[in-house]
Amino acid sequence: MQPTHSYSVPPRPDANAPAVVDPAGDARFRAQAQAMGLDPDDRWVGGYVPVAWNEVRHLIAAYAGDVTSADLLEFGCNYAASSIVAAAMGARVTAIDVDAGAIALARPNAARHGFGDRIELLHLPDTRALPFADASFDIILCISVLEYVAPGHLPAVLAEIGRVLKPGGLVIVSGTASRLAPSEVHSGRWLVNYWPRALDRLFGHRTPLQRGVNPLPILRAFRSYTNLDRADRGARWCAARAAMGQPPARLRAARTIGGLLAPFGLSIGMAGSSFSATWRKPDGTGAV
């Protein structure tokens, strides 16, 4: 099927945005956040659902369209902001995280937004073996998470993601710090992506420094999948980010860079400090 290169993301009224509707759940969320030493009103704690509504929602809409009753897995859900958004869009959501504290705060967060019974939240210390049957999910979200997977574990984790994805299903990777970038996104450290981990202790760091993810294992894991950003020359990618409010000049520049990357098997979203791409698992029909 030939792409039309004219994808758009229909606007949704702000009235549909998830809101705090359960005072008891809100009280539990605030108490749990404070017990964890967190500010419940911080943008990245209790304030992240509106951020995800204005960002992740458009990714899901651009690539998957109507997700009503779709089975969606959020891999690395943190405090469940993106999961809450997906549930508000109609998906049946399963959300997992290796951090027990994150799941402990995600549960009251989902409850206070009215989705406590719509999101299954699981603490999984080792994601190299997921407790789901083959082909369980239509969509798997990996939002700002793969850079936290130990490099030695990444191939096994990606294989599990592929195993539990249905034929024709989507893997959406976004906001993932890239090891190709000269500055690590989360810490802001320059050049740390380029030196070996063995040097961290030499520089006085007791624990390994945060680095971006190497894109090559991801590309290898999904090499038999269709990269939708290559297939439509970045149309969906740009539609989503236009809906997020990115200026046209920035999107034109991204398209230009994406065109330069194409001969190397890469796509728009793979050249910046954060890595993003969406793949469709083969379903035997050849559909894009």
Protein backbone atom coordinates (compact mmCIF):
# COMPACT_ATOMS: atom_id res chain seq x y z
CA MET A 1 0.00 0.00 0.00
CA GLN A 2 1.41 3.38 -0.99
CA PRO A 3 1.41 6.03 1.76
CA THR A 4 -0.58 9.18 1.06
CA HIS A 5 1.71 11.42 3.15
CA SER A 6 -1.29 13.42 4.39
CA TYR A 7 -1.90 12.17 7.90
CA SER A 8 -3.51 14.47 10.42
CA VAL A 9 -4.36 14.20 14.08
CA PRO A 10 -7.96 15.19 14.82
CA PRO A 11 -8.24 17.59 17.74
CA ARG A 12 -9.96 16.41 20.89
CA PRO A 13 -11.76 18.89 23.14
CA ASP A 14 -9.95 19.69 26.36
CA ALA A 15 -13.08 18.48 28.15
CA ASN A 16 -11.92 14.95 27.30
CA ALA A 17 -8.59 15.42 29.07
CA PRO A 18 -8.15 13.26 32.17
CA ALA A 19 -8.87 15.13 35.38
CA VAL A 20 -8.62 14.35 39.07
CA VAL A 21 -12.12 13.09 39.92
CA ASP A 22 -11.60 10.98 43.06
CA PRO A 23 -10.74 13.04 46.19
CA ALA A 24 -9.93 9.92 48.22
CA GLY A 25 -7.60 8.67 45.51
CA ASP A 26 -6.01 12.11 45.32
CA ALA A 27 -5.38 12.08 49.06
CA ARG A 28 -3.75 8.65 48.79
CA PHE A 29 -1.63 9.83 45.87
CA ARG A 30 -0.42 12.89 47.76
CA ALA A 31 0.36 10.93 50.90
CA GLN A 32 2.27 8.29 48.92
CA ALA A 33 4.24 10.91 46.98
CA GLN A 34 5.22 12.73 50.16
CA ALA A 35 6.22 9.44 51.81
CA MET A 36 8.55 8.91 48.85
CA GLY A 37 10.05 12.38 49.28
CA LEU A 38 8.32 13.72 46.15
CA ASP A 39 6.30 16.86 45.54
CA PRO A 40 2.84 15.65 44.45
CA ASP A 41 2.37 18.84 42.41
CA ASP A 42 5.69 18.59 40.58
CA ARG A 43 5.39 18.61 36.78
CA TRP A 44 7.02 15.17 36.52
CA VAL A 45 5.06 13.63 39.41
CA GLY A 46 1.46 14.71 39.82
CA GLY A 47 1.55 17.18 36.96
CA TYR A 48 2.62 14.84 34.18
CA VAL A 49 -0.82 13.68 33.02
CA PRO A 50 -1.55 17.03 31.29
CA VAL A 51 1.91 16.88 29.69
CA ALA A 52 1.21 13.37 28.38
CA TRP A 53 -2.23 14.48 27.17
CA ASN A 54 -0.57 17.17 25.07
CA GLU A 55 2.19 14.89 23.79
CA VAL A 56 1.70 11.13 24.04
CA ARG A 57 -1.96 11.41 23.03
CA HIS A 58 -0.92 12.80 19.65
CA LEU A 59 1.63 10.02 19.10
CA ILE A 60 -1.02 7.38 19.72
CA ALA A 61 -3.57 9.16 17.52
CA ALA A 62 -1.15 9.72 14.63
CA TYR A 63 0.07 6.13 14.42
CA ALA A 64 -2.83 4.07 15.76
CA GLY A 65 -5.91 6.25 15.21
CA ASP A 66 -8.91 5.15 17.25
CA VAL A 67 -7.64 2.90 20.05
CA THR A 68 -11.00 2.12 21.60
CA SER A 69 -10.75 -1.41 23.06
CA ALA A 70 -7.18 -1.85 21.80
CA ASP A 71 -4.89 -3.82 24.12
CA LEU A 72 -2.02 -1.48 24.99
CA LEU A 73 1.08 -2.15 27.06
CA GLU A 74 3.07 0.70 28.51
CA PHE A 75 6.58 -0.62 29.03
CA GLY A 76 8.13 1.44 31.83
CA CYS A 77 5.08 3.34 33.03
CA ASN A 78 6.68 5.33 35.88
CA TYR A 79 3.71 7.03 37.59
CA ALA A 80 1.27 5.96 34.83
CA ALA A 81 0.67 9.34 33.17
CA SER A 82 0.82 7.95 29.63
CA SER A 83 -1.23 4.93 30.69
CA ILE A 84 -3.93 7.24 32.06
CA VAL A 85 -3.98 9.11 28.74
CA ALA A 86 -4.25 5.85 26.76
CA ALA A 87 -7.09 4.68 29.00
CA ALA A 88 -8.86 8.02 28.51
CA MET A 89 -8.60 7.40 24.76
CA GLY A 90 -10.41 4.08 25.21
CA ALA A 91 -7.58 1.54 25.29
CA ARG A 92 -7.41 -1.43 27.63
CA VAL A 93 -4.12 -0.71 29.37
CA THR A 94 -1.52 -2.84 31.08
CA ALA A 95 1.35 -0.88 32.61
CA ILE A 96 4.61 -2.28 33.97
CA ASP A 97 7.70 -0.92 35.68
CA VAL A 98 10.81 -2.36 37.31
CA ASP A 99 10.52 0.18 40.15
CA ALA A 100 8.15 -0.93 42.92
CA GLY A 101 7.91 2.67 44.17
CA ALA A 102 6.75 3.87 40.78
CA ILE A 103 3.96 1.31 40.74
CA ALA A 104 3.01 2.18 44.33
CA LEU A 105 2.46 5.79 43.23
CA ALA A 106 0.95 4.88 39.86
CA ARG A 107 -1.96 3.04 41.47
CA PRO A 108 -3.42 6.02 43.37
CA ASN A 109 -2.59 8.24 40.39
CA ALA A 110 -4.75 6.06 38.13
CA ALA A 111 -7.47 5.90 40.80
CA ARG A 112 -7.65 9.64 41.35
CA HIS A 113 -8.13 10.13 37.59
CA GLY A 114 -10.95 7.58 37.56
CA PHE A 115 -9.06 4.79 35.81
CA GLY A 116 -8.14 2.54 38.72
CA ASP A 117 -10.18 -0.31 37.23
CA ARG A 118 -9.11 0.32 33.63
CA ILE A 119 -5.34 0.03 34.05
CA GLU A 120 -3.59 -3.13 35.24
CA LEU A 121 -0.40 -2.05 36.98
CA LEU A 122 2.38 -4.57 37.56
CA HIS A 123 5.77 -4.40 39.23
CA LEU A 124 8.17 -6.54 37.19
CA PRO A 125 11.75 -6.44 38.51
CA ASP A 126 13.12 -8.26 35.43
CA THR A 127 11.56 -7.43 32.06
CA ARG A 128 13.63 -9.99 30.18
CA ALA A 129 10.75 -12.40 30.79
CA LEU A 130 7.31 -10.78 30.58
CA PRO A 131 4.35 -12.64 32.15
CA PHE A 132 2.16 -12.31 29.06
CA ALA A 133 1.21 -14.73 26.32
CA ASP A 134 2.55 -14.37 22.81
CA ALA A 135 0.74 -11.73 20.74
CA SER A 136 -1.07 -10.12 23.69
CA PHE A 137 -0.97 -6.45 22.71
CA ASP A 138 -1.97 -4.27 19.76
CA ILE A 139 0.28 -1.37 20.83
CA ILE A 140 3.37 -1.16 23.02
CA LEU A 141 4.49 2.25 24.26
CA CYS A 142 8.13 2.81 25.21
CA ILE A 143 8.24 6.44 26.32
CA SER A 144 11.58 7.65 27.72
CA VAL A 145 12.44 4.22 29.10
CA LEU A 146 14.80 2.15 26.93
CA GLU A 147 17.81 4.24 27.96
CA TYR A 148 17.36 2.89 31.51
CA VAL A 149 17.59 -0.75 30.44
CA ALA A 150 21.01 -2.24 31.15
CA PRO A 151 22.83 -2.54 27.79
CA GLY A 152 23.43 -6.25 28.35
CA HIS A 153 19.71 -6.80 28.95
CA LEU A 154 18.43 -4.73 26.05
CA PRO A 155 18.38 -7.45 23.33
CA ALA A 156 16.39 -9.81 25.57
CA VAL A 157 13.99 -7.03 26.57
CA LEU A 158 13.39 -6.05 22.95
CA ALA A 159 12.83 -9.69 22.02
CA GLU A 160 10.16 -9.92 24.73
CA ILE A 161 8.50 -6.76 23.45
CA GLY A 162 8.35 -8.34 20.01
CA ARG A 163 7.04 -11.62 21.39
CA VAL A 164 4.05 -10.11 23.20
CA LEU A 165 3.12 -7.78 20.31
CA LYS A 166 0.36 -8.99 17.99
CA PRO A 167 1.04 -9.39 14.25
CA GLY A 168 0.32 -6.01 12.70
CA GLY A 169 0.80 -4.33 16.09
CA LEU A 170 2.74 -1.15 16.77
CA VAL A 171 5.83 -0.41 18.84
CA ILE A 172 6.00 3.32 19.58
CA VAL A 173 9.37 4.50 20.91
CA SER A 174 9.64 8.17 21.80
CA GLY A 175 11.55 10.60 23.99
CA THR A 176 14.38 8.09 24.41
CA ALA A 177 17.77 9.62 25.10
CA SER A 178 20.17 8.65 22.33
CA ARG A 179 23.78 7.67 22.86
CA LEU A 180 24.62 9.29 19.53
CA ALA A 181 24.04 12.75 21.02
CA PRO A 182 26.98 14.78 22.40
CA SER A 183 24.93 15.83 25.46
CA GLU A 184 23.02 13.28 27.56
CA VAL A 185 19.43 14.51 27.72
CA HIS A 186 18.54 13.80 31.35
CA SER A 187 21.74 14.91 33.09
CA GLY A 188 22.92 17.47 30.55
CA ARG A 189 26.46 16.03 30.76
CA TRP A 190 28.53 16.62 27.64
CA LEU A 191 30.35 13.74 25.94
CA VAL A 192 29.39 11.15 28.59
CA ASN A 193 27.67 9.15 25.83
CA TYR A 194 31.00 8.76 24.08
CA TRP A 195 33.27 7.43 26.80
CA PRO A 196 33.31 3.83 28.11
CA ARG A 197 31.45 3.06 31.32
CA ALA A 198 34.69 1.75 32.80
CA LEU A 199 35.94 5.34 33.03
CA ASP A 200 33.14 6.42 35.38
CA ARG A 201 34.93 5.20 38.50
CA LEU A 202 38.16 6.73 37.27
CA PHE A 203 36.38 10.08 37.29
CA GLY A 204 35.16 9.51 40.85
CA HIS A 205 31.63 8.24 40.23
CA ARG A 206 30.64 5.31 42.44
CA THR A 207 27.71 4.32 40.23
CA PRO A 208 27.59 4.34 36.42
CA LEU A 209 26.52 7.63 34.89
CA GLN A 210 23.30 7.86 32.91
CA ARG A 211 23.80 7.43 29.18
CA GLY A 212 21.51 7.39 26.18
CA VAL A 213 20.52 4.19 24.48
CA ASN A 214 22.51 2.86 21.55
CA PRO A 215 19.97 2.81 18.67
CA LEU A 216 21.64 -0.12 16.89
CA PRO A 217 20.20 -2.93 19.08
CA ILE A 218 16.73 -1.40 18.61
CA LEU A 219 17.16 -1.27 14.84
CA ARG A 220 18.36 -4.88 14.81
CA ALA A 221 15.47 -6.06 16.99
CA PHE A 222 12.88 -4.56 14.64
CA ARG A 223 14.66 -5.03 11.32
CA SER A 224 11.86 -7.25 9.97
CA TYR A 225 9.21 -4.69 10.99
CA THR A 226 7.98 -1.78 8.89
CA ASN A 227 9.41 1.53 10.07
CA LEU A 228 6.34 3.71 9.57
CA ASP A 229 8.41 6.90 9.62
CA ARG A 230 10.37 5.68 6.64
CA ALA A 231 7.27 4.34 4.91
CA ASP A 232 5.43 7.65 4.99
CA ARG A 233 8.54 9.91 4.88
CA GLY A 234 7.83 11.32 8.31
CA ALA A 235 4.20 12.33 7.71
CA ARG A 236 2.81 10.77 10.88
CA TRP A 237 5.81 11.92 12.92
CA CYS A 238 5.33 15.51 11.79
CA ALA A 239 1.54 15.38 12.22
CA ALA A 240 1.93 14.31 15.83
CA ARG A 241 4.47 16.99 16.62
CA ALA A 242 2.53 19.69 14.83
CA ALA A 243 -0.41 18.78 17.07
CA MET A 244 1.94 19.10 20.06
CA GLY A 245 2.68 22.66 18.96
CA GLN A 246 6.12 22.35 17.37
CA PRO A 247 6.72 25.22 14.90
CA PRO A 248 6.61 24.56 11.13
CA ALA A 249 10.23 25.64 10.63
CA ARG A 250 11.43 23.02 13.08
CA LEU A 251 9.37 20.35 11.36
CA ARG A 252 10.72 21.33 7.94
CA ALA A 253 14.24 20.99 9.31
CA ALA A 254 13.39 17.58 10.74
CA ARG A 255 12.04 16.44 7.37
CA THR A 256 15.25 17.56 5.68
CA ILE A 257 17.38 15.67 8.20
CA GLY A 258 15.12 12.64 7.83
CA GLY A 259 15.69 12.69 4.08
CA LEU A 260 19.45 12.74 4.60
CA LEU A 261 19.21 9.77 6.99
CA ALA A 262 17.08 7.62 4.68
CA PRO A 263 19.98 6.17 2.60
CA PHE A 264 21.47 4.84 5.85
CA GLY A 265 18.30 2.99 6.83
CA LEU A 266 17.37 5.58 9.43
CA SER A 267 14.29 7.77 9.72
CA ILE A 268 13.12 11.13 10.99
CA GLY A 269 13.44 11.24 14.77
CA MET A 270 16.68 9.28 14.91
CA ALA A 271 19.21 12.09 14.61
CA GLY A 272 18.52 14.28 17.63
CA SER A 273 19.34 14.05 21.29
CA SER A 274 16.21 11.93 21.75
CA PHE A 275 15.47 8.85 19.66
CA SER A 276 11.98 8.15 18.30
CA ALA A 277 10.44 5.80 15.77
CA THR A 278 7.37 3.62 15.30
CA TRP A 279 7.39 0.13 13.84
CA ARG A 280 4.60 -2.18 12.68
CA LYS A 281 5.10 -5.91 13.20
CA PRO A 282 4.60 -7.99 10.05
CA ASP A 283 1.12 -9.44 9.72
CA GLY A 284 1.54 -11.25 6.42
CA THR A 285 -0.54 -8.78 4.40
CA GLY A 286 2.18 -6.24 3.57
CA ALA A 287 0.00 -3.37 4.85
CA VAL A 288 1.68 -0.12 5.93
